[in-house]
Amino acid sequence: MKKAIFTCVCMFIASMVMAQVSKQEKQVLLDLYTATNGLEWNKQWNLEQPVETWYGVTVEHNKVTGINLLFNNLNGILPASLGQLKNLKKLELSFNPISGTIPAELGNLEQLEILAINGTAMNGNIPESLGRLSNLKQLHLSSNQLSGTVPESIGNLRQIEVFNVFDNDLYGALPQSLANCPNLKQLMVAENNFNNPSDFSVILLSNSGAKIDLLNNSPQIEPAQPIIAVERDENED
């Protein structure tokens, strides 16, 4: 009996030691490393070591759940294969000289809660596929070179709390459905050419817990915290 228990314990320990990120997920990380010139990163990965030791990579239960490579000199384009990290909850790639467009495949990251790509050289449109990120709470795409309109699908992000596209070349109307997202508290859209951001003010202040008299044409607002960065018409001065 003791021998059987000892054998089971040994097998359990062995399985723990051998447990590791799948080859597919490791390959996705290697794709990112190669596509963004990993040899020039500020903090590089030792590819001979286990994935869980790589800088900025979070691994839980042998699944990659987080990538945080803020200010790490990633220089290149984002690989489409990032959309294969099905358990990813956080993707933080801000303030790196990344170029190219946002891969539409990021819309496959069903568990993603935070997507942050601020302060890069990324251009093109915001992919409509991002509207499939049903668990997304924070979308940060500020200070890039994004253009076009915000896709209507963004209004499907029912868990969204922060929508940040500050300082891009976006234009047109923000999706009205975005205003109906029940958890939305921060809308940062200044330094674009939107024509309807003021429509969101009362809704956002209401979601934040601010006190608003909706029957008053000029309601007295007592905001709990600064939460809005919207377009301002210079002609109003």
Protein backbone atom coordinates (compact mmCIF):
# COMPACT_ATOMS: atom_id res chain seq x y z
CA MET A 1 0.00 0.00 0.00
CA LYS A 2 2.76 2.41 0.96
CA LYS A 3 4.60 1.54 -2.23
CA ALA A 4 1.49 2.31 -4.29
CA ILE A 5 1.02 5.66 -2.57
CA PHE A 6 4.69 6.51 -3.07
CA THR A 7 4.39 5.63 -6.76
CA CYS A 8 1.33 7.87 -7.16
CA VAL A 9 3.09 10.76 -5.45
CA CYS A 10 6.12 10.35 -7.70
CA MET A 11 3.93 10.28 -10.79
CA PHE A 12 2.10 13.43 -9.65
CA ILE A 13 5.37 15.29 -9.05
CA ALA A 14 6.69 14.15 -12.41
CA SER A 15 3.57 15.37 -14.17
CA MET A 16 3.91 18.75 -12.45
CA VAL A 17 7.52 19.07 -13.50
CA MET A 18 6.73 18.10 -17.09
CA ALA A 19 3.63 20.30 -17.34
CA GLN A 20 4.22 23.20 -19.68
CA VAL A 21 2.66 25.59 -22.15
CA SER A 22 1.52 23.85 -25.32
CA LYS A 23 3.69 23.94 -28.43
CA GLN A 24 1.01 26.00 -30.19
CA GLU A 25 0.96 28.75 -27.56
CA LYS A 26 4.75 28.78 -27.36
CA GLN A 27 4.92 29.16 -31.13
CA VAL A 28 2.55 32.15 -30.97
CA LEU A 29 4.89 33.85 -28.51
CA LEU A 30 7.84 33.04 -30.75
CA ASP A 31 5.92 34.60 -33.65
CA LEU A 32 5.53 37.79 -31.62
CA TYR A 33 9.21 37.73 -30.65
CA THR A 34 10.33 37.33 -34.24
CA ALA A 35 7.85 39.77 -35.80
CA THR A 36 8.80 42.56 -33.39
CA ASN A 37 12.58 42.11 -33.46
CA GLY A 38 12.92 40.41 -30.09
CA LEU A 39 16.72 40.58 -30.17
CA GLU A 40 16.40 44.36 -29.79
CA TRP A 41 13.87 44.32 -26.96
CA ASN A 42 14.82 46.13 -23.78
CA LYS A 43 14.10 42.97 -21.83
CA GLN A 44 14.55 39.91 -24.01
CA TRP A 45 13.29 36.37 -23.61
CA ASN A 46 15.66 33.51 -22.96
CA LEU A 47 14.16 31.07 -25.42
CA GLU A 48 16.01 28.20 -23.80
CA GLN A 49 14.07 28.69 -20.57
CA PRO A 50 10.44 27.71 -19.85
CA VAL A 51 7.80 30.11 -21.16
CA GLU A 52 6.64 30.97 -17.65
CA THR A 53 10.04 32.59 -17.00
CA TRP A 54 9.80 34.90 -20.01
CA TYR A 55 9.53 38.59 -19.16
CA GLY A 56 5.96 39.92 -19.19
CA VAL A 57 4.31 36.55 -19.82
CA THR A 58 1.77 35.26 -17.31
CA VAL A 59 1.04 31.53 -17.29
CA GLU A 60 -1.80 29.95 -15.31
CA HIS A 61 -2.53 26.22 -15.39
CA ASN A 62 -0.13 25.87 -18.34
CA LYS A 63 -2.06 28.46 -20.37
CA VAL A 64 -0.79 31.88 -21.42
CA THR A 65 -3.18 34.35 -19.78
CA GLY A 66 -1.23 37.59 -19.93
CA ILE A 67 1.31 39.48 -22.05
CA ASN A 68 2.66 42.75 -20.68
CA LEU A 69 5.49 44.22 -22.74
CA LEU A 70 4.98 47.89 -21.99
CA PHE A 71 7.92 50.15 -23.02
CA ASN A 72 9.96 47.20 -24.30
CA ASN A 73 10.99 48.40 -27.77
CA LEU A 74 8.87 45.99 -29.79
CA ASN A 75 9.56 47.11 -33.37
CA GLY A 76 7.59 45.52 -36.18
CA ILE A 77 4.08 44.27 -36.83
CA LEU A 78 1.79 42.16 -34.68
CA PRO A 79 1.38 38.58 -35.94
CA ALA A 80 -2.12 37.33 -36.71
CA SER A 81 -1.36 34.21 -34.69
CA LEU A 82 -1.91 36.19 -31.46
CA GLY A 83 -5.57 35.36 -31.99
CA GLN A 84 -4.79 31.74 -31.11
CA LEU A 85 -4.12 32.49 -27.43
CA LYS A 86 -7.63 31.51 -26.42
CA ASN A 87 -7.01 31.95 -22.68
CA LEU A 88 -5.41 35.39 -22.90
CA LYS A 89 -6.97 37.88 -20.49
CA LYS A 90 -4.56 40.81 -20.85
CA LEU A 91 -2.59 42.08 -23.83
CA GLU A 92 -0.53 45.18 -22.97
CA LEU A 93 1.78 46.35 -25.75
CA SER A 94 1.69 50.11 -25.25
CA PHE A 95 4.48 52.56 -26.00
CA ASN A 96 6.44 50.45 -28.42
CA PRO A 97 7.34 51.34 -32.04
CA ILE A 98 4.86 48.78 -33.40
CA SER A 99 3.58 49.50 -36.91
CA GLY A 100 1.06 47.97 -39.28
CA THR A 101 -2.60 47.36 -38.55
CA ILE A 102 -4.45 45.78 -35.63
CA PRO A 103 -4.88 42.10 -36.54
CA ALA A 104 -8.53 41.22 -37.02
CA GLU A 105 -7.70 37.88 -35.40
CA LEU A 106 -7.56 39.58 -32.00
CA GLY A 107 -11.33 39.32 -32.11
CA ASN A 108 -10.91 35.58 -31.42
CA LEU A 109 -9.58 36.21 -27.90
CA GLU A 110 -12.83 35.38 -26.13
CA GLN A 111 -11.36 35.63 -22.62
CA LEU A 112 -9.63 38.98 -23.17
CA GLU A 113 -10.43 41.61 -20.54
CA ILE A 114 -7.79 44.26 -21.27
CA LEU A 115 -6.45 45.25 -24.67
CA ALA A 116 -3.95 48.10 -24.55
CA ILE A 117 -1.99 49.31 -27.56
CA ASN A 118 -1.35 52.97 -26.77
CA GLY A 119 1.38 55.18 -28.19
CA THR A 120 2.50 53.13 -31.19
CA ALA A 121 2.70 53.72 -34.95
CA MET A 122 -0.23 51.44 -35.73
CA ASN A 123 -2.53 52.61 -38.50
CA GLY A 124 -5.60 51.52 -40.41
CA ASN A 125 -9.09 50.89 -39.06
CA ILE A 126 -10.31 49.48 -35.78
CA PRO A 127 -11.28 45.92 -36.74
CA GLU A 128 -14.98 45.13 -36.59
CA SER A 129 -14.01 41.77 -35.08
CA LEU A 130 -13.13 43.45 -31.76
CA GLY A 131 -16.86 43.62 -31.14
CA ARG A 132 -16.75 39.88 -30.45
CA LEU A 133 -14.66 40.35 -27.29
CA SER A 134 -17.57 39.68 -24.96
CA ASN A 135 -15.42 39.81 -21.80
CA LEU A 136 -13.48 42.97 -22.68
CA LYS A 137 -13.49 45.58 -19.92
CA GLN A 138 -10.83 48.00 -21.13
CA LEU A 139 -9.93 48.99 -24.69
CA HIS A 140 -6.97 51.38 -24.97
CA LEU A 141 -5.93 52.48 -28.46
CA SER A 142 -4.82 56.06 -27.82
CA SER A 143 -2.10 58.06 -29.56
CA ASN A 144 -1.78 55.92 -32.67
CA GLN A 145 -2.49 56.64 -36.33
CA LEU A 146 -5.82 54.86 -36.53
CA SER A 147 -8.29 56.17 -39.10
CA GLY A 148 -11.84 55.60 -40.28
CA THR A 149 -14.92 55.23 -38.11
CA VAL A 150 -15.51 53.22 -34.96
CA PRO A 151 -17.33 50.03 -36.05
CA GLU A 152 -20.89 49.56 -34.84
CA SER A 153 -19.87 46.19 -33.42
CA ILE A 154 -18.07 47.97 -30.58
CA GLY A 155 -21.50 48.53 -29.08
CA ASN A 156 -21.66 44.78 -28.45
CA LEU A 157 -19.02 45.03 -25.73
CA ARG A 158 -21.46 44.75 -22.85
CA GLN A 159 -18.71 44.45 -20.22
CA ILE A 160 -16.74 47.48 -21.42
CA GLU A 161 -15.78 49.98 -18.72
CA VAL A 162 -13.07 52.01 -20.47
CA PHE A 163 -13.12 53.02 -24.14
CA ASN A 164 -9.98 54.97 -25.00
CA VAL A 165 -9.16 56.04 -28.57
CA PHE A 166 -7.74 59.45 -27.66
CA ASP A 167 -5.50 61.14 -30.26
CA ASN A 168 -6.03 59.30 -33.54
CA ASP A 169 -7.50 60.21 -36.93
CA LEU A 170 -10.93 58.71 -36.33
CA TYR A 171 -14.08 60.50 -37.48
CA GLY A 172 -17.84 60.26 -37.81
CA ALA A 173 -20.27 59.17 -35.12
CA LEU A 174 -19.50 57.03 -32.12
CA PRO A 175 -21.89 54.05 -32.12
CA GLN A 176 -25.03 54.91 -30.18
CA SER A 177 -25.09 51.32 -28.94
CA LEU A 178 -21.86 52.06 -27.08
CA ALA A 179 -23.79 54.48 -24.88
CA ASN A 180 -26.05 51.63 -23.83
CA CYS A 181 -23.22 49.50 -22.45
CA PRO A 182 -24.21 49.35 -18.77
CA ASN A 183 -20.69 49.38 -17.29
CA LEU A 184 -19.14 52.14 -19.42
CA LYS A 185 -17.53 54.75 -17.17
CA GLN A 186 -14.69 56.26 -19.15
CA LEU A 187 -14.89 57.52 -22.69
CA MET A 188 -11.65 59.07 -23.96
CA VAL A 189 -12.14 60.23 -27.53
CA ALA A 190 -10.65 63.73 -27.77
CA GLU A 191 -8.19 64.66 -30.52
CA ASN A 192 -10.25 62.92 -33.19
CA ASN A 193 -13.05 64.20 -35.42
CA PHE A 194 -16.13 62.64 -33.86
CA ASN A 195 -19.38 64.54 -34.19
CA ASN A 196 -21.43 63.18 -31.30
CA PRO A 197 -19.32 62.59 -28.13
CA SER A 198 -21.38 65.03 -26.08
CA ASP A 199 -24.35 62.67 -26.46
CA PHE A 200 -22.57 60.30 -24.06
CA SER A 201 -21.93 62.74 -21.22
CA VAL A 202 -25.09 62.27 -19.15
CA ILE A 203 -25.04 58.50 -19.57
CA LEU A 204 -21.42 58.23 -18.49
CA LEU A 205 -21.89 60.44 -15.48
CA SER A 206 -24.90 58.38 -14.50
CA ASN A 207 -22.93 55.14 -14.77
CA SER A 208 -20.17 56.61 -12.59
CA GLY A 209 -22.55 57.29 -9.72
CA ALA A 210 -22.68 61.05 -10.27
CA LYS A 211 -25.77 62.90 -9.16
CA ILE A 212 -27.71 64.31 -12.11
CA ASP A 213 -31.08 66.05 -12.22
CA LEU A 214 -32.40 64.82 -15.56
CA LEU A 215 -35.37 67.21 -15.37
CA ASN A 216 -33.15 70.27 -15.25
CA ASN A 217 -32.05 71.78 -18.57
CA SER A 218 -28.75 72.72 -16.94
CA PRO A 219 -28.29 69.97 -14.35
CA GLN A 220 -25.95 70.50 -11.43
CA ILE A 221 -23.44 67.68 -11.67
CA GLU A 222 -21.38 66.39 -8.79
CA PRO A 223 -18.99 63.92 -10.41
CA ALA A 224 -17.41 61.27 -8.25
CA GLN A 225 -14.24 61.48 -10.34
CA PRO A 226 -13.05 62.91 -13.67
CA ILE A 227 -14.22 60.40 -16.22
CA ILE A 228 -14.70 62.07 -19.58
CA ALA A 229 -12.28 63.26 -22.21
CA VAL A 230 -14.45 64.24 -25.17
CA GLU A 231 -14.20 66.38 -28.27
CA ARG A 232 -14.39 70.09 -27.70
CA ASP A 233 -15.44 72.52 -30.40
CA GLU A 234 -12.90 75.36 -30.55
CA ASN A 235 -15.66 77.64 -31.87
CA GLU A 236 -17.28 77.53 -28.46
CA ASP A 237 -14.51 79.74 -27.00
